[in-house]
C-alpha cells in the first residue's frame, strides 16, 4: 500500500486487522533494512518468543523452522498475516523472503499473506526488483494507493474502536445503537470534518475525548467538543496535503467523507 507520510496507511492497516477472520494470526513490525534471516527471526519471536529463543541463530535453522511453521498453520486452520510498516526500507534479500513465503505451502493452501506500507519513493525501486521475478510471482504482488475512507467506513472504524474499548461485539453496538463515549451527532461531525482522511478521523476522536474529559470523565463526547477539537487540531496542513493527494491520484470514491 503506497502513500505519502500522513496519508492514512497505518489506519487503513488497522482497519484491516480489526476485520480479520478468526483463523488469521496477526504480526506487525517496522522495516529498517533487516536481512531475510533477521526478519524471519523477528516474526518467529513475535509468534512464540520461547520457541524462537531455542532455535540456533543460523540462517538455515531459522528458514527451515519458518517454512515448517507455514506448513503447519493450515493443519490447524490458521493463516499468518504480516504487516510491514515503513516498507521503503526493505532490503532486496528480505523482500525476496516475504514474496517466496506467499507460495502455497500445504495442499495448495496459501498460509502466508502480507501488507507492505511504503511511501511513493519505494515504487521505482520495487519496479526494478520486479524485473527479476517471473510472471507468476509478479502477479502475487498487488500494488494499491492508500485511499480515503468512505463515510460508511469512517463510521465503521469509529464504532469498531468503541466496541474494542468496551469489550463487546461490533454487531452488538449496532443493535443497541449505543455509541458511548460518543453522541451520534459527534460521530457525524467527525466524519464530516475528516473528509475520509483516516489520520484526521483517528486524531479527532482522541482529541474530542480529551476535551470532553476536561469537563467530566463521565461526560459523552458532543458535537461541540468535536468542533473545539478541530479548532485546536495541529495537523491541518498535513490533512489538506493528504486530501489534495487523494484528489490528484483520482482516489476519492463516491461517498468519501
C-alpha atoms as a PDB file:
ATOM      1  CA  UNK A   1       0.000   0.000   0.000  1.00  0.00           C
ATOM      2  CA  UNK A   2       1.622   3.207  -1.239  1.00  0.00           C
ATOM      3  CA  UNK A   3       1.013   6.678   0.171  1.00  0.00           C
ATOM      4  CA  UNK A   4       2.914   9.700   1.491  1.00  0.00           C
ATOM      5  CA  UNK A   5       3.531  10.227   5.191  1.00  0.00           C
ATOM      6  CA  UNK A   6       0.274  11.060   6.942  1.00  0.00           C
ATOM      7  CA  UNK A   7      -1.978   9.731   4.166  1.00  0.00           C
ATOM      8  CA  UNK A   8      -3.558   7.085   6.400  1.00  0.00           C
ATOM      9  CA  UNK A   9      -1.609   3.897   5.658  1.00  0.00           C
ATOM     10  CA  UNK A  10      -1.435   2.821   9.308  1.00  0.00           C
ATOM     11  CA  UNK A  11      -5.126   3.474   9.906  1.00  0.00           C
ATOM     12  CA  UNK A  12      -6.063   1.517   6.769  1.00  0.00           C
ATOM     13  CA  UNK A  13      -3.924  -1.365   8.029  1.00  0.00           C
ATOM     14  CA  UNK A  14      -5.502  -1.107  11.485  1.00  0.00           C
ATOM     15  CA  UNK A  15      -8.946  -1.240   9.873  1.00  0.00           C
ATOM     16  CA  UNK A  16      -7.996  -4.453   8.047  1.00  0.00           C
ATOM     17  CA  UNK A  17      -6.730  -6.045  11.251  1.00  0.00           C
ATOM     18  CA  UNK A  18      -9.935  -5.192  13.115  1.00  0.00           C
ATOM     19  CA  UNK A  19     -11.882  -7.141  10.467  1.00  0.00           C
ATOM     20  CA  UNK A  20      -9.562 -10.156  10.130  1.00  0.00           C
ATOM     21  CA  UNK A  21     -11.354 -13.512  10.399  1.00  0.00           C
ATOM     22  CA  UNK A  22     -10.543 -15.625  13.444  1.00  0.00           C
ATOM     23  CA  UNK A  23      -8.293 -18.026  11.519  1.00  0.00           C
ATOM     24  CA  UNK A  24      -5.683 -15.303  10.985  1.00  0.00           C
ATOM     25  CA  UNK A  25      -2.634 -14.920  13.219  1.00  0.00           C
ATOM     26  CA  UNK A  26      -1.546 -11.277  13.034  1.00  0.00           C
ATOM     27  CA  UNK A  27       2.009  -9.885  13.203  1.00  0.00           C
ATOM     28  CA  UNK A  28       3.250  -6.297  12.782  1.00  0.00           C
ATOM     29  CA  UNK A  29       6.664  -4.639  12.705  1.00  0.00           C
ATOM     30  CA  UNK A  30       8.587  -1.784  11.136  1.00  0.00           C
ATOM     31  CA  UNK A  31      11.179  -2.361   8.446  1.00  0.00           C
ATOM     32  CA  UNK A  32      14.627  -0.869   8.971  1.00  0.00           C
ATOM     33  CA  UNK A  33      16.737  -2.784   6.436  1.00  0.00           C
ATOM     34  CA  UNK A  34      16.649  -6.227   8.083  1.00  0.00           C
ATOM     35  CA  UNK A  35      18.037  -9.229   6.241  1.00  0.00           C
ATOM     36  CA  UNK A  36      15.793 -12.201   5.487  1.00  0.00           C
ATOM     37  CA  UNK A  37      17.293 -14.002   8.489  1.00  0.00           C
ATOM     38  CA  UNK A  38      16.572 -11.094  10.835  1.00  0.00           C
ATOM     39  CA  UNK A  39      13.035 -10.704   9.531  1.00  0.00           C
ATOM     40  CA  UNK A  40      12.249 -14.413   9.776  1.00  0.00           C
ATOM     41  CA  UNK A  41      13.657 -14.494  13.300  1.00  0.00           C
ATOM     42  CA  UNK A  42      11.628 -11.421  14.284  1.00  0.00           C
ATOM     43  CA  UNK A  43       8.379 -12.977  13.046  1.00  0.00           C
ATOM     44  CA  UNK A  44       9.073 -16.242  14.885  1.00  0.00           C
ATOM     45  CA  UNK A  45       9.829 -14.288  18.076  1.00  0.00           C
ATOM     46  CA  UNK A  46       6.526 -12.468  17.721  1.00  0.00           C
ATOM     47  CA  UNK A  47       4.624 -15.733  17.316  1.00  0.00           C
ATOM     48  CA  UNK A  48       6.379 -17.697  20.075  1.00  0.00           C
ATOM     49  CA  UNK A  49       9.260 -15.978  21.940  1.00  0.00           C
ATOM     50  CA  UNK A  50      10.318 -19.068  23.918  1.00  0.00           C
ATOM     51  CA  UNK A  51      10.377 -21.284  20.854  1.00  0.00           C
ATOM     52  CA  UNK A  52      12.310 -18.714  18.818  1.00  0.00           C
ATOM     53  CA  UNK A  53      14.881 -18.393  21.590  1.00  0.00           C
ATOM     54  CA  UNK A  54      15.523 -22.133  21.467  1.00  0.00           C
ATOM     55  CA  UNK A  55      16.486 -22.048  17.786  1.00  0.00           C
ATOM     56  CA  UNK A  56      20.130 -21.720  16.875  1.00  0.00           C
ATOM     57  CA  UNK A  57      20.930 -18.409  15.223  1.00  0.00           C
ATOM     58  CA  UNK A  58      21.853 -19.971  11.905  1.00  0.00           C
ATOM     59  CA  UNK A  59      20.157 -18.923   8.711  1.00  0.00           C
ATOM     60  CA  UNK A  60      19.316 -22.474   7.685  1.00  0.00           C
ATOM     61  CA  UNK A  61      17.762 -23.276  11.082  1.00  0.00           C
ATOM     62  CA  UNK A  62      15.667 -20.103  11.078  1.00  0.00           C
ATOM     63  CA  UNK A  63      14.455 -20.512   7.495  1.00  0.00           C
ATOM     64  CA  UNK A  64      13.746 -24.227   7.843  1.00  0.00           C
ATOM     65  CA  UNK A  65      11.758 -23.581  11.009  1.00  0.00           C
ATOM     66  CA  UNK A  66       9.826 -20.741   9.389  1.00  0.00           C
ATOM     67  CA  UNK A  67       8.884 -22.965   6.444  1.00  0.00           C
ATOM     68  CA  UNK A  68       7.749 -25.698   8.829  1.00  0.00           C
ATOM     69  CA  UNK A  69       5.566 -23.158  10.644  1.00  0.00           C
ATOM     70  CA  UNK A  70       3.949 -22.137   7.350  1.00  0.00           C
ATOM     71  CA  UNK A  71       3.309 -25.797   6.533  1.00  0.00           C
ATOM     72  CA  UNK A  72       1.846 -26.452   9.992  1.00  0.00           C
ATOM     73  CA  UNK A  73      -0.559 -23.493  10.063  1.00  0.00           C
ATOM     74  CA  UNK A  74      -3.082 -24.923   7.531  1.00  0.00           C
ATOM     75  CA  UNK A  75      -3.349 -28.134   9.540  1.00  0.00           C
ATOM     76  CA  UNK A  76      -4.644 -26.011  12.406  1.00  0.00           C
ATOM     77  CA  UNK A  77      -6.867 -23.979  10.058  1.00  0.00           C
ATOM     78  CA  UNK A  78      -4.705 -20.922  10.645  1.00  0.00           C
ATOM     79  CA  UNK A  79      -3.112 -18.324   8.369  1.00  0.00           C
ATOM     80  CA  UNK A  80      -0.374 -15.778   9.055  1.00  0.00           C
ATOM     81  CA  UNK A  81      -0.969 -12.138   8.125  1.00  0.00           C
ATOM     82  CA  UNK A  82       2.031  -9.806   8.440  1.00  0.00           C
ATOM     83  CA  UNK A  83       2.083  -6.027   8.161  1.00  0.00           C
ATOM     84  CA  UNK A  84       5.429  -4.450   7.312  1.00  0.00           C
ATOM     85  CA  UNK A  85       5.434  -0.733   8.088  1.00  0.00           C
ATOM     86  CA  UNK A  86       7.974   1.666   6.540  1.00  0.00           C
ATOM     87  CA  UNK A  87       8.365  -0.804   3.679  1.00  0.00           C
ATOM     88  CA  UNK A  88      10.532   1.658   1.755  1.00  0.00           C
ATOM     89  CA  UNK A  89      13.363   0.362   3.968  1.00  0.00           C
ATOM     90  CA  UNK A  90      13.066  -3.220   2.687  1.00  0.00           C
ATOM     91  CA  UNK A  91      16.293  -4.907   1.639  1.00  0.00           C
ATOM     92  CA  UNK A  92      16.163  -6.976  -1.556  1.00  0.00           C
ATOM     93  CA  UNK A  93      17.017 -10.066   0.482  1.00  0.00           C
ATOM     94  CA  UNK A  94      14.111  -9.555   2.906  1.00  0.00           C
ATOM     95  CA  UNK A  95      11.627  -8.740   0.138  1.00  0.00           C
ATOM     96  CA  UNK A  96      12.597 -11.950  -1.692  1.00  0.00           C
ATOM     97  CA  UNK A  97      11.942 -13.834   1.550  1.00  0.00           C
ATOM     98  CA  UNK A  98       8.493 -12.274   2.023  1.00  0.00           C
ATOM     99  CA  UNK A  99       7.465 -12.877  -1.594  1.00  0.00           C
ATOM    100  CA  UNK A 100       8.605 -16.506  -1.506  1.00  0.00           C
ATOM    101  CA  UNK A 101       6.575 -17.034   1.678  1.00  0.00           C
ATOM    102  CA  UNK A 102       3.379 -16.256  -0.253  1.00  0.00           C
ATOM    103  CA  UNK A 103       3.730 -19.511  -2.221  1.00  0.00           C
ATOM    104  CA  UNK A 104       1.281 -22.287  -1.233  1.00  0.00           C
ATOM    105  CA  UNK A 105       2.888 -24.447   1.460  1.00  0.00           C
ATOM    106  CA  UNK A 106       0.373 -27.221   2.059  1.00  0.00           C
ATOM    107  CA  UNK A 107      -2.165 -28.826  -0.270  1.00  0.00           C
ATOM    108  CA  UNK A 108      -2.272 -25.712  -2.477  1.00  0.00           C
ATOM    109  CA  UNK A 109      -3.136 -23.663   0.635  1.00  0.00           C
ATOM    110  CA  UNK A 110      -1.603 -20.205   0.940  1.00  0.00           C
ATOM    111  CA  UNK A 111      -0.813 -19.831   4.639  1.00  0.00           C
ATOM    112  CA  UNK A 112       1.059 -16.505   4.455  1.00  0.00           C
ATOM    113  CA  UNK A 113      -0.044 -13.092   3.251  1.00  0.00           C
ATOM    114  CA  UNK A 114       1.479  -9.682   3.839  1.00  0.00           C
ATOM    115  CA  UNK A 115       0.715  -5.988   3.602  1.00  0.00           C
ATOM    116  CA  UNK A 116       3.641  -3.656   2.927  1.00  0.00           C
ATOM    117  CA  UNK A 117       3.139   0.011   3.839  1.00  0.00           C
ATOM    118  CA  UNK A 118       5.516   2.334   1.993  1.00  0.00           C
ATOM    119  CA  UNK A 119       5.967   5.896   0.755  1.00  0.00           C
ATOM    120  CA  UNK A 120       5.896   6.653  -3.012  1.00  0.00           C
ATOM    121  CA  UNK A 121       9.678   6.589  -3.491  1.00  0.00           C
ATOM    122  CA  UNK A 122       9.574   2.818  -2.924  1.00  0.00           C
ATOM    123  CA  UNK A 123       7.714   2.336  -6.229  1.00  0.00           C
ATOM    124  CA  UNK A 124      10.717   2.827  -8.522  1.00  0.00           C
ATOM    125  CA  UNK A 125      12.947   0.512  -6.517  1.00  0.00           C
ATOM    126  CA  UNK A 126      10.200  -2.107  -6.395  1.00  0.00           C
ATOM    127  CA  UNK A 127       9.722  -1.912 -10.161  1.00  0.00           C
ATOM    128  CA  UNK A 128      13.456  -2.517 -10.694  1.00  0.00           C
ATOM    129  CA  UNK A 129      13.408  -5.520  -8.394  1.00  0.00           C
ATOM    130  CA  UNK A 130      10.290  -6.962 -10.050  1.00  0.00           C
ATOM    131  CA  UNK A 131      12.157  -7.252 -13.353  1.00  0.00           C
ATOM    132  CA  UNK A 132      13.966 -10.233 -11.822  1.00  0.00           C
ATOM    133  CA  UNK A 133      10.776 -12.077 -10.842  1.00  0.00           C
ATOM    134  CA  UNK A 134       8.806 -14.394 -13.090  1.00  0.00           C
ATOM    135  CA  UNK A 135       5.261 -13.535 -14.154  1.00  0.00           C
ATOM    136  CA  UNK A 136       3.592 -15.804 -11.602  1.00  0.00           C
ATOM    137  CA  UNK A 137       5.382 -14.135  -8.691  1.00  0.00           C
ATOM    138  CA  UNK A 138       4.703 -10.630 -10.025  1.00  0.00           C
ATOM    139  CA  UNK A 139       1.002 -11.473 -10.132  1.00  0.00           C
ATOM    140  CA  UNK A 140       1.077 -12.305  -6.426  1.00  0.00           C
ATOM    141  CA  UNK A 141       2.003  -8.673  -5.712  1.00  0.00           C
ATOM    142  CA  UNK A 142      -0.866  -6.197  -5.748  1.00  0.00           C
ATOM    143  CA  UNK A 143       0.059  -2.512  -5.600  1.00  0.00           C
ATOM    144  CA  UNK A 144      -2.568  -0.125  -4.286  1.00  0.00           C
ATOM    145  CA  UNK A 145      -2.513   3.524  -3.296  1.00  0.00           C
ATOM    146  CA  UNK A 146      -3.875   4.319   0.128  1.00  0.00           C
ATOM    147  CA  UNK A 147      -7.443   5.544  -0.252  1.00  0.00           C
ATOM    148  CA  UNK A 148      -9.605   7.782   1.893  1.00  0.00           C
ATOM    149  CA  UNK A 149     -12.360   6.114   3.874  1.00  0.00           C
ATOM    150  CA  UNK A 150     -15.929   6.431   2.667  1.00  0.00           C
ATOM    151  CA  UNK A 151     -18.422   7.876   5.155  1.00  0.00           C
ATOM    152  CA  UNK A 152     -19.615   4.353   5.955  1.00  0.00           C
ATOM    153  CA  UNK A 153     -16.040   3.177   6.524  1.00  0.00           C
ATOM    154  CA  UNK A 154     -15.394   6.161   8.804  1.00  0.00           C
ATOM    155  CA  UNK A 155     -18.420   5.225  10.898  1.00  0.00           C
ATOM    156  CA  UNK A 156     -17.392   1.567  10.994  1.00  0.00           C
ATOM    157  CA  UNK A 157     -13.824   2.477  12.020  1.00  0.00           C
ATOM    158  CA  UNK A 158     -15.080   4.561  14.951  1.00  0.00           C
ATOM    159  CA  UNK A 159     -17.678   2.013  16.061  1.00  0.00           C
ATOM    160  CA  UNK A 160     -15.226  -0.900  15.863  1.00  0.00           C
ATOM    161  CA  UNK A 161     -12.858   1.128  18.041  1.00  0.00           C
ATOM    162  CA  UNK A 162     -15.660   1.719  20.552  1.00  0.00           C
ATOM    163  CA  UNK A 163     -16.511  -1.994  20.539  1.00  0.00           C
ATOM    164  CA  UNK A 164     -12.892  -2.948  21.173  1.00  0.00           C
ATOM    165  CA  UNK A 165     -12.501  -0.468  24.042  1.00  0.00           C
ATOM    166  CA  UNK A 166     -15.735  -1.664  25.675  1.00  0.00           C
ATOM    167  CA  UNK A 167     -15.018  -5.351  25.115  1.00  0.00           C
ATOM    168  CA  UNK A 168     -18.233  -6.080  23.231  1.00  0.00           C
ATOM    169  CA  UNK A 169     -19.059  -7.209  19.711  1.00  0.00           C
ATOM    170  CA  UNK A 170     -19.296  -4.678  16.884  1.00  0.00           C
ATOM    171  CA  UNK A 171     -22.693  -6.122  15.907  1.00  0.00           C
ATOM    172  CA  UNK A 172     -23.952  -5.603  19.459  1.00  0.00           C
ATOM    173  CA  UNK A 173     -23.187  -1.870  19.336  1.00  0.00           C
ATOM    174  CA  UNK A 174     -25.036  -1.570  16.032  1.00  0.00           C
ATOM    175  CA  UNK A 175     -28.000  -3.400  17.519  1.00  0.00           C
ATOM    176  CA  UNK A 176     -28.123  -1.252  20.659  1.00  0.00           C
ATOM    177  CA  UNK A 177     -27.136   1.968  18.842  1.00  0.00           C
ATOM    178  CA  UNK A 178     -25.250   2.888  21.998  1.00  0.00           C
ATOM    179  CA  UNK A 179     -22.068   4.703  20.919  1.00  0.00           C
ATOM    180  CA  UNK A 180     -20.789   5.650  24.385  1.00  0.00           C
ATOM    181  CA  UNK A 181     -18.491   7.612  24.851  1.00  0.00           C
ATOM    182  CA  UNK A 182     -19.745   9.456  21.720  1.00  0.00           C
ATOM    183  CA  UNK A 183     -23.053  11.067  20.916  1.00  0.00           C
ATOM    184  CA  UNK A 184     -24.256  10.095  17.441  1.00  0.00           C
ATOM    185  CA  UNK A 185     -24.089  13.741  16.326  1.00  0.00           C
ATOM    186  CA  UNK A 186     -20.422  13.922  17.414  1.00  0.00           C
ATOM    187  CA  UNK A 187     -19.564  10.926  15.242  1.00  0.00           C
ATOM    188  CA  UNK A 188     -21.357  12.514  12.300  1.00  0.00           C
ATOM    189  CA  UNK A 189     -19.420  15.768  12.786  1.00  0.00           C
ATOM    190  CA  UNK A 190     -16.061  13.929  12.937  1.00  0.00           C
ATOM    191  CA  UNK A 191     -16.894  12.146   9.672  1.00  0.00           C
ATOM    192  CA  UNK A 192     -17.873  15.411   8.015  1.00  0.00           C
ATOM    193  CA  UNK A 193     -14.694  17.227   9.085  1.00  0.00           C
ATOM    194  CA  UNK A 194     -12.160  14.488   8.312  1.00  0.00           C
ATOM    195  CA  UNK A 195     -13.295  14.125   4.657  1.00  0.00           C
ATOM    196  CA  UNK A 196     -12.262  10.482   4.674  1.00  0.00           C
ATOM    197  CA  UNK A 197      -8.705  11.141   5.881  1.00  0.00           C
ATOM    198  CA  UNK A 198      -8.022   8.255   8.310  1.00  0.00           C
ATOM    199  CA  UNK A 199      -5.373  10.042  10.396  1.00  0.00           C
ATOM    200  CA  UNK A 200      -7.602  13.068  10.974  1.00  0.00           C
ATOM    201  CA  UNK A 201     -10.501  10.764  11.821  1.00  0.00           C
ATOM    202  CA  UNK A 202      -8.471   8.949  14.464  1.00  0.00           C
ATOM    203  CA  UNK A 203      -6.885  12.114  15.870  1.00  0.00           C
ATOM    204  CA  UNK A 204     -10.209  13.939  16.201  1.00  0.00           C
ATOM    205  CA  UNK A 205     -11.719  11.017  18.097  1.00  0.00           C
ATOM    206  CA  UNK A 206      -8.954  11.101  20.710  1.00  0.00           C
ATOM    207  CA  UNK A 207      -8.744  14.903  20.903  1.00  0.00           C
ATOM    208  CA  UNK A 208     -12.530  15.212  21.286  1.00  0.00           C
ATOM    209  CA  UNK A 209     -12.497  12.694  24.132  1.00  0.00           C
ATOM    210  CA  UNK A 210      -9.701  14.597  25.875  1.00  0.00           C
ATOM    211  CA  UNK A 211     -11.682  17.839  25.631  1.00  0.00           C
ATOM    212  CA  UNK A 212     -14.851  16.163  26.918  1.00  0.00           C
ATOM    213  CA  UNK A 213     -12.945  14.660  29.869  1.00  0.00           C
ATOM    214  CA  UNK A 214     -11.811  18.134  30.919  1.00  0.00           C
ATOM    215  CA  UNK A 215     -15.449  18.752  31.856  1.00  0.00           C
ATOM    216  CA  UNK A 216     -16.038  15.352  33.441  1.00  0.00           C
ATOM    217  CA  UNK A 217     -14.589  11.859  32.959  1.00  0.00           C
ATOM    218  CA  UNK A 218     -18.150  10.577  32.565  1.00  0.00           C
ATOM    219  CA  UNK A 219     -19.482  13.083  30.027  1.00  0.00           C
ATOM    220  CA  UNK A 220     -20.282  11.942  26.490  1.00  0.00           C
ATOM    221  CA  UNK A 221     -18.390  13.468  23.564  1.00  0.00           C
ATOM    222  CA  UNK A 222     -20.729  16.023  21.999  1.00  0.00           C
ATOM    223  CA  UNK A 223     -20.684  17.822  18.671  1.00  0.00           C
ATOM    224  CA  UNK A 224     -19.388  20.964  20.387  1.00  0.00           C
ATOM    225  CA  UNK A 225     -16.370  19.009  21.674  1.00  0.00           C
ATOM    226  CA  UNK A 226     -15.575  17.898  18.118  1.00  0.00           C
ATOM    227  CA  UNK A 227     -15.792  21.487  16.853  1.00  0.00           C
ATOM    228  CA  UNK A 228     -13.406  22.621  19.588  1.00  0.00           C
ATOM    229  CA  UNK A 229     -11.058  19.731  18.777  1.00  0.00           C
ATOM    230  CA  UNK A 230     -10.939  20.795  15.126  1.00  0.00           C
ATOM    231  CA  UNK A 231     -10.099  24.376  16.131  1.00  0.00           C
ATOM    232  CA  UNK A 232      -7.167  23.064  18.188  1.00  0.00           C
ATOM    233  CA  UNK A 233      -6.125  20.396  15.681  1.00  0.00           C
ATOM    234  CA  UNK A 234      -2.389  20.861  14.992  1.00  0.00           C
ATOM    235  CA  UNK A 235      -2.162  18.838  11.766  1.00  0.00           C
ATOM    236  CA  UNK A 236      -4.444  20.787   9.438  1.00  0.00           C
ATOM    237  CA  UNK A 237      -1.649  21.254   6.875  1.00  0.00           C
ATOM    238  CA  UNK A 238      -0.986  17.513   6.733  1.00  0.00           C
ATOM    239  CA  UNK A 239      -4.734  16.950   6.448  1.00  0.00           C
ATOM    240  CA  UNK A 240      -5.020  19.314   3.467  1.00  0.00           C
ATOM    241  CA  UNK A 241      -1.984  17.759   1.757  1.00  0.00           C
ATOM    242  CA  UNK A 242      -3.447  14.273   2.134  1.00  0.00           C
ATOM    243  CA  UNK A 243      -6.811  15.329   0.686  1.00  0.00           C
ATOM    244  CA  UNK A 244      -5.002  17.005  -2.222  1.00  0.00           C
ATOM    245  CA  UNK A 245      -3.000  13.821  -2.850  1.00  0.00           C
ATOM    246  CA  UNK A 246      -6.169  11.703  -2.895  1.00  0.00           C
ATOM    247  CA  UNK A 247      -7.732  14.044  -5.444  1.00  0.00           C
ATOM    248  CA  UNK A 248      -4.626  14.200  -7.665  1.00  0.00           C
ATOM    249  CA  UNK A 249      -4.430  10.393  -7.732  1.00  0.00           C
ATOM    250  CA  UNK A 250      -8.138  10.085  -8.508  1.00  0.00           C
ATOM    251  CA  UNK A 251      -8.681   8.150  -5.291  1.00  0.00           C
ATOM    252  CA  UNK A 252     -11.707   9.973  -3.909  1.00  0.00           C
ATOM    253  CA  UNK A 253     -14.523   7.456  -4.089  1.00  0.00           C
ATOM    254  CA  UNK A 254     -18.243   8.064  -4.132  1.00  0.00           C
ATOM    255  CA  UNK A 255     -19.422   8.726  -0.575  1.00  0.00           C
ATOM    256  CA  UNK A 256     -15.858   9.506   0.550  1.00  0.00           C
ATOM    257  CA  UNK A 257     -16.189  11.683   3.597  1.00  0.00           C
END
